Structure formats: structure tokens, C-alpha cells
C-alpha atoms as a PDB file:
ATOM      1  CA  MET A   1      -4.184 -22.807  -4.540  1.00  0.00           C
ATOM      2  CA  GLN A   2      -0.715 -24.456  -3.997  1.00  0.00           C
ATOM      3  CA  GLU A   3       2.287 -22.497  -3.030  1.00  0.00           C
ATOM      4  CA  LYS A   4       5.010 -21.988  -5.562  1.00  0.00           C
ATOM      5  CA  ALA A   5       7.846 -19.965  -3.942  1.00  0.00           C
ATOM      6  CA  ARG A   6       8.175 -18.456  -0.138  1.00  0.00           C
ATOM      7  CA  ILE A   7       9.633 -15.319  -1.994  1.00  0.00           C
ATOM      8  CA  MET A   8       9.649 -12.511   1.225  1.00  0.00           C
ATOM      9  CA  ASP A   9      10.461 -13.394   4.664  1.00  0.00           C
ATOM     10  CA  ASP A  10      10.130 -11.903   7.889  1.00  0.00           C
ATOM     11  CA  LYS A  11      13.687  -9.983   7.811  1.00  0.00           C
ATOM     12  CA  ALA A  12      13.417  -9.073   3.795  1.00  0.00           C
ATOM     13  CA  ILE A  13      10.079  -7.737   4.276  1.00  0.00           C
ATOM     14  CA  ASP A  14      11.421  -5.592   7.620  1.00  0.00           C
ATOM     15  CA  ARG A  15      14.673  -3.991   5.598  1.00  0.00           C
ATOM     16  CA  ALA A  16      12.508  -3.489   2.252  1.00  0.00           C
ATOM     17  CA  LEU A  17      10.307  -1.144   4.728  1.00  0.00           C
ATOM     18  CA  THR A  18      13.388   0.396   6.105  1.00  0.00           C
ATOM     19  CA  ARG A  19      14.540   0.864   1.992  1.00  0.00           C
ATOM     20  CA  ILE A  20      11.018   2.136   1.765  1.00  0.00           C
ATOM     21  CA  SER A  21      11.404   4.937   4.621  1.00  0.00           C
ATOM     22  CA  HIS A  22      14.898   6.310   3.426  1.00  0.00           C
ATOM     23  CA  GLU A  23      13.554   6.237   0.102  1.00  0.00           C
ATOM     24  CA  ILE A  24      10.629   8.825   1.013  1.00  0.00           C
ATOM     25  CA  ILE A  25      12.200  10.819   3.395  1.00  0.00           C
ATOM     26  CA  GLU A  26      15.078  11.593   0.734  1.00  0.00           C
ATOM     27  CA  ARG A  27      12.529  11.706  -2.357  1.00  0.00           C
ATOM     28  CA  ASN A  28       9.978  14.322   0.425  1.00  0.00           C
ATOM     29  CA  LYS A  29      13.122  16.481   1.700  1.00  0.00           C
ATOM     30  CA  GLY A  30      11.734  14.907   5.248  1.00  0.00           C
ATOM     31  CA  VAL A  31       8.992  14.970   6.512  1.00  0.00           C
ATOM     32  CA  ASP A  32       7.042  17.936   7.050  1.00  0.00           C
ATOM     33  CA  ASP A  33       3.078  17.860   5.482  1.00  0.00           C
ATOM     34  CA  LEU A  34       4.275  14.445   5.079  1.00  0.00           C
ATOM     35  CA  VAL A  35       0.871  11.856   6.466  1.00  0.00           C
ATOM     36  CA  LEU A  36       0.627   7.914   4.833  1.00  0.00           C
ATOM     37  CA  VAL A  37      -2.364   6.892   4.109  1.00  0.00           C
ATOM     38  CA  GLY A  38      -3.310   2.982   4.546  1.00  0.00           C
ATOM     39  CA  ILE A  39      -5.801   1.140   1.853  1.00  0.00           C
ATOM     40  CA  LYS A  40      -7.364  -1.300   2.928  1.00  0.00           C
ATOM     41  CA  THR A  41      -6.920  -3.950   4.390  1.00  0.00           C
ATOM     42  CA  ARG A  42      -2.789  -4.839   4.009  1.00  0.00           C
ATOM     43  CA  GLY A  43      -1.588  -1.397   3.580  1.00  0.00           C
ATOM     44  CA  VAL A  44      -3.378   0.104   6.795  1.00  0.00           C
ATOM     45  CA  PRO A  45      -0.596  -2.399   8.690  1.00  0.00           C
ATOM     46  CA  LEU A  46       1.996  -1.655   6.499  1.00  0.00           C
ATOM     47  CA  ALA A  47       1.253   1.963   6.314  1.00  0.00           C
ATOM     48  CA  GLY A  48       1.750   2.442  10.487  1.00  0.00           C
ATOM     49  CA  ARG A  49       4.830   0.282  10.117  1.00  0.00           C
ATOM     50  CA  LEU A  50       6.672   2.709   7.318  1.00  0.00           C
ATOM     51  CA  ALA A  51       5.435   5.762  10.079  1.00  0.00           C
ATOM     52  CA  SER A  52       6.923   3.746  12.870  1.00  0.00           C
ATOM     53  CA  LYS A  53      10.910   3.317  11.110  1.00  0.00           C
ATOM     54  CA  ILE A  54      11.047   6.827   9.666  1.00  0.00           C
ATOM     55  CA  CYS A  55       9.462   8.305  13.472  1.00  0.00           C
ATOM     56  CA  LYS A  56      12.699   7.108  14.666  1.00  0.00           C
ATOM     57  CA  ILE A  57      15.067   7.835  11.747  1.00  0.00           C
ATOM     58  CA  GLU A  58      13.534  11.327  12.066  1.00  0.00           C
ATOM     59  CA  GLY A  59      11.835  11.736  16.060  1.00  0.00           C
ATOM     60  CA  THR A  60       8.555  13.127  14.357  1.00  0.00           C
ATOM     61  CA  GLU A  61       5.491  10.621  14.679  1.00  0.00           C
ATOM     62  CA  ILE A  62       3.844  10.980  11.010  1.00  0.00           C
ATOM     63  CA  PRO A  63       0.068  10.137  10.771  1.00  0.00           C
ATOM     64  CA  VAL A  64      -1.557   7.409   9.547  1.00  0.00           C
ATOM     65  CA  GLY A  65      -5.118   7.562   7.681  1.00  0.00           C
ATOM     66  CA  ILE A  66      -7.476   4.049   6.867  1.00  0.00           C
ATOM     67  CA  LEU A  67      -8.171   4.152   3.330  1.00  0.00           C
ATOM     68  CA  ASP A  68     -11.529   1.630   2.750  1.00  0.00           C
ATOM     69  CA  ILE A  69     -11.663   1.891  -1.200  1.00  0.00           C
ATOM     70  CA  THR A  70     -14.127  -0.603  -1.347  1.00  0.00           C
ATOM     71  CA  LEU A  71     -17.293   1.369  -2.545  1.00  0.00           C
ATOM     72  CA  TYR A  72     -14.705   3.014  -6.101  1.00  0.00           C
ATOM     73  CA  ARG A  73     -13.677  -0.294  -7.389  1.00  0.00           C
ATOM     74  CA  ASP A  74     -14.905  -0.283 -10.471  1.00  0.00           C
ATOM     75  CA  ASP A  75     -15.411  -4.245 -10.075  1.00  0.00           C
ATOM     76  CA  LEU A  76     -17.902  -3.455  -8.152  1.00  0.00           C
ATOM     77  CA  SER A  77     -20.800  -5.470  -9.324  1.00  0.00           C
ATOM     78  CA  THR A  78     -18.713  -8.763  -9.755  1.00  0.00           C
ATOM     79  CA  LEU A  79     -17.309  -9.413  -6.308  1.00  0.00           C
ATOM     80  CA  SER A  80     -20.969  -9.743  -4.428  1.00  0.00           C
ATOM     81  CA  GLU A  81     -24.364  -8.346  -4.738  1.00  0.00           C
ATOM     82  CA  LYS A  82     -24.215  -6.895  -1.295  1.00  0.00           C
ATOM     83  CA  PRO A  83     -19.946  -6.058  -0.895  1.00  0.00           C
ATOM     84  CA  ILE A  84     -18.954  -4.843   2.587  1.00  0.00           C
ATOM     85  CA  VAL A  85     -17.829  -1.284   2.978  1.00  0.00           C
ATOM     86  CA  ASN A  86     -15.096  -0.496   5.042  1.00  0.00           C
ATOM     87  CA  LYS A  87     -15.129   2.933   7.318  1.00  0.00           C
ATOM     88  CA  THR A  88     -12.122   4.921   5.827  1.00  0.00           C
ATOM     89  CA  GLU A  89     -10.406   6.662   9.006  1.00  0.00           C
ATOM     90  CA  ILE A  90      -8.648   9.926   7.917  1.00  0.00           C
ATOM     91  CA  PRO A  91      -8.874  11.660  10.949  1.00  0.00           C
ATOM     92  CA  PHE A  92      -6.577  15.223   9.366  1.00  0.00           C
ATOM     93  CA  GLU A  93      -6.578  16.893   6.146  1.00  0.00           C
ATOM     94  CA  ILE A  94      -4.895  15.857   3.607  1.00  0.00           C
ATOM     95  CA  THR A  95      -5.714  19.403   1.761  1.00  0.00           C
ATOM     96  CA  GLY A  96      -2.399  20.802   1.014  1.00  0.00           C
ATOM     97  CA  LYS A  97       0.206  17.433   2.494  1.00  0.00           C
ATOM     98  CA  LYS A  98       2.442  15.339   0.911  1.00  0.00           C
ATOM     99  CA  VAL A  99       0.187  11.296   0.918  1.00  0.00           C
ATOM    100  CA  VAL A 100       1.692   8.006   0.512  1.00  0.00           C
ATOM    101  CA  LEU A 101      -0.855   5.784  -0.484  1.00  0.00           C
ATOM    102  CA  VAL A 102       0.256   1.997   0.881  1.00  0.00           C
ATOM    103  CA  ASP A 103      -0.102  -0.789  -0.457  1.00  0.00           C
ATOM    104  CA  ASP A 104       0.958  -5.043  -0.308  1.00  0.00           C
ATOM    105  CA  VAL A 105       1.235  -5.406  -3.781  1.00  0.00           C
ATOM    106  CA  ILE A 106       0.810  -3.363  -7.514  1.00  0.00           C
ATOM    107  CA  TYR A 107      -0.678  -5.446 -10.475  1.00  0.00           C
ATOM    108  CA  THR A 108      -3.086  -3.785 -12.689  1.00  0.00           C
ATOM    109  CA  GLY A 109      -3.170  -0.669 -11.273  1.00  0.00           C
ATOM    110  CA  ARG A 110      -6.774  -0.036 -10.660  1.00  0.00           C
ATOM    111  CA  THR A 111      -6.547  -0.714  -7.165  1.00  0.00           C
ATOM    112  CA  ALA A 112      -4.382   2.295  -7.021  1.00  0.00           C
ATOM    113  CA  ARG A 113      -6.903   4.149  -9.156  1.00  0.00           C
ATOM    114  CA  ALA A 114      -9.734   3.462  -7.484  1.00  0.00           C
ATOM    115  CA  ALA A 115      -7.675   4.677  -4.048  1.00  0.00           C
ATOM    116  CA  LEU A 116      -6.978   7.922  -5.884  1.00  0.00           C
ATOM    117  CA  ASP A 117     -11.154   8.552  -6.986  1.00  0.00           C
ATOM    118  CA  ALA A 118     -11.057   8.139  -2.825  1.00  0.00           C
ATOM    119  CA  LEU A 119      -8.997  10.081  -1.308  1.00  0.00           C
ATOM    120  CA  SER A 120      -9.800  13.184  -4.580  1.00  0.00           C
ATOM    121  CA  ASP A 121     -13.427  13.196  -2.372  1.00  0.00           C
ATOM    122  CA  LEU A 122     -11.558  13.667   0.994  1.00  0.00           C
ATOM    123  CA  GLY A 123      -9.338  16.740  -0.142  1.00  0.00           C
ATOM    124  CA  ARG A 124      -6.772  18.742  -2.296  1.00  0.00           C
ATOM    125  CA  ALA A 125      -3.691  16.484  -1.476  1.00  0.00           C
ATOM    126  CA  ARG A 126      -0.587  18.156  -2.703  1.00  0.00           C
ATOM    127  CA  LEU A 127       0.943  15.671  -3.910  1.00  0.00           C
ATOM    128  CA  ILE A 128      -0.191  11.899  -4.124  1.00  0.00           C
ATOM    129  CA  GLN A 129       2.466   8.528  -4.098  1.00  0.00           C
ATOM    130  CA  LEU A 130       2.593   5.700  -4.127  1.00  0.00           C
ATOM    131  CA  ALA A 131       4.896   3.012  -1.975  1.00  0.00           C
ATOM    132  CA  VAL A 132       4.168  -1.039  -2.638  1.00  0.00           C
ATOM    133  CA  LEU A 133       6.127  -3.717  -0.482  1.00  0.00           C
ATOM    134  CA  ILE A 134       5.189  -6.097  -4.661  1.00  0.00           C
ATOM    135  CA  ASP A 135       5.183  -4.901  -7.590  1.00  0.00           C
ATOM    136  CA  ARG A 136       4.446  -8.074  -9.771  1.00  0.00           C
ATOM    137  CA  GLY A 137       3.688  -6.200 -13.476  1.00  0.00           C
ATOM    138  CA  HIS A 138       0.866  -7.075 -15.358  1.00  0.00           C
ATOM    139  CA  ARG A 139      -0.197  -2.958 -15.375  1.00  0.00           C
ATOM    140  CA  GLU A 140      -3.676  -1.685 -17.214  1.00  0.00           C
ATOM    141  CA  LEU A 141      -3.937   1.039 -16.674  1.00  0.00           C
ATOM    142  CA  PRO A 142      -0.538   3.955 -16.733  1.00  0.00           C
ATOM    143  CA  ILE A 143      -0.061   4.112 -13.378  1.00  0.00           C
ATOM    144  CA  ARG A 144       3.578   3.443 -12.045  1.00  0.00           C
ATOM    145  CA  PRO A 145       4.562   3.634  -7.861  1.00  0.00           C
ATOM    146  CA  ASP A 146       6.718   6.230  -6.394  1.00  0.00           C
ATOM    147  CA  TYR A 147       8.268   3.629  -3.806  1.00  0.00           C
ATOM    148  CA  VAL A 148       8.908  -0.670  -4.415  1.00  0.00           C
ATOM    149  CA  GLY A 149       9.943  -2.890  -1.398  1.00  0.00           C
ATOM    150  CA  LYS A 150      10.389  -5.594  -4.586  1.00  0.00           C
ATOM    151  CA  ASN A 151       9.492  -6.600  -8.016  1.00  0.00           C
ATOM    152  CA  VAL A 152       8.185  -9.775  -9.156  1.00  0.00           C
ATOM    153  CA  PRO A 153       7.706 -10.838 -12.352  1.00  0.00           C
ATOM    154  CA  THR A 154       5.109 -13.345 -12.147  1.00  0.00           C
ATOM    155  CA  SER A 155       2.527 -15.105 -14.930  1.00  0.00           C
ATOM    156  CA  ARG A 156      -1.106 -13.918 -14.921  1.00  0.00           C
ATOM    157  CA  ASP A 157      -1.709 -17.857 -12.738  1.00  0.00           C
ATOM    158  CA  GLU A 158       0.130 -16.243  -9.945  1.00  0.00           C
ATOM    159  CA  VAL A 159      -0.662 -14.818  -6.955  1.00  0.00           C
ATOM    160  CA  ILE A 160       1.341 -13.148  -5.022  1.00  0.00           C
ATOM    161  CA  LYS A 161      -0.186 -13.534  -0.904  1.00  0.00           C
ATOM    162  CA  VAL A 162       1.398 -11.164   1.006  1.00  0.00           C
ATOM    163  CA  LYS A 163       0.665 -12.158   4.934  1.00  0.00           C
ATOM    164  CA  LEU A 164       1.496 -10.046   7.750  1.00  0.00           C
ATOM    165  CA  GLU A 165       1.675 -10.923  11.297  1.00  0.00           C
ATOM    166  CA  GLU A 166      -1.044  -7.885  12.294  1.00  0.00           C
ATOM    167  CA  VAL A 167      -3.437  -9.587   9.983  1.00  0.00           C
ATOM    168  CA  ASP A 168      -3.271 -13.128   9.748  1.00  0.00           C
ATOM    169  CA  GLY A 169      -0.461 -13.737  11.950  1.00  0.00           C
ATOM    170  CA  GLU A 170       2.721 -14.592  10.031  1.00  0.00           C
ATOM    171  CA  ASN A 171       5.471 -11.848   8.487  1.00  0.00           C
ATOM    172  CA  CYS A 172       6.485 -13.582   4.644  1.00  0.00           C
ATOM    173  CA  VAL A 173       5.945 -13.084   0.429  1.00  0.00           C
ATOM    174  CA  VAL A 174       4.553 -16.665  -1.462  1.00  0.00           C
ATOM    175  CA  ILE A 175       3.769 -16.962  -5.096  1.00  0.00           C
ATOM    176  CA  LEU A 176       0.740 -19.537  -6.163  1.00  0.00           C
ATOM    177  CA  LYS A 177      -0.300 -21.522  -8.669  1.00  0.00           C
ATOM    178  CA  LYS A 178      -3.617 -21.571  -9.715  1.00  0.00           C
END
């Protein structure tokens, strides 16, 4: 794949996460009973960054969990004969909590649906919200994020690649052409 455009740099990502942090606090009227759950892989560092920003604003640490949705995917059989299952690490109770699911990109909505299924197996949250860095459209399910860093209209032959320092060694968002 070939890079078509670089649509966010380090500063743009940081600004988007700062805005999302403020929106989360405002919509939830503070941070009481708030937890963040990052969807593996890049949702995890994004959730950590949001928790850090919210802590700086509110002075309260927000619990962060890691959610692996591998076994909940509806395309599991097409991924691999032996898919790699990572560990879900949510060291807190989600029952009665306001859960903000965090992911890097929303596309068809199938990842978010799988995450909702995985969360429901862990408890009954008071409410679940979805925060994404990029919304690229093309939804196949009736799922819409509550918080969006940037809307990026794309064609189906384009791919959005979010690169994060914690995973990829750099911070940027690029559009790739197939």
C-alpha cells in the first residue's frame, strides 16, 4: 500500500484527544463512576492518554482497562485458523459504571459491536459510550461513536492507518491507497 496523505500529526492527535477528554467530562458531568476501556491494539494507548488528560483536568485518576475482542469477532474464521488471543485486563468492576470504549478508527462498526458483546460478558455497565480518534464512515451496523477526534470521508479502497508512539514509534494518521 502506498501513502496517499498524512492527515494528522502528533500535535493534531494531541489536540483531538484533549478535546475528547473535555467532552467526556462534560457529557458525564464529571468523572464519578467513569472508566475507560481500550480496544486492543491502538485503543489501549489512546485510552491511557485520555485518562492522563482527564486526570490533569479533574485531578482524579481514571481506571483504564484493556479489552481483547478476538473471540467476539464475526470474521474470526476468515482471520486465521489459529487466531492469536490476547488477554483482556479489566482490573475493576464495570457493573454500574460509565464505560467509555476507546478505539483508533471506526469503519463498519463490527469491532465496536464485538467490544459491546465482550463487555456484556464482564458485567452490566450503567452506560457505554464510544470514543474514536478517526471516523471514516462506511458503517454496516447502526453504531455511532459518541466522541470523534476527526471525521475522514474515505473510499472503500483506502485504508486509515493510525500510528502511535507506544506501538509504532511515531504519532500520525495516514491514508493509504490499495
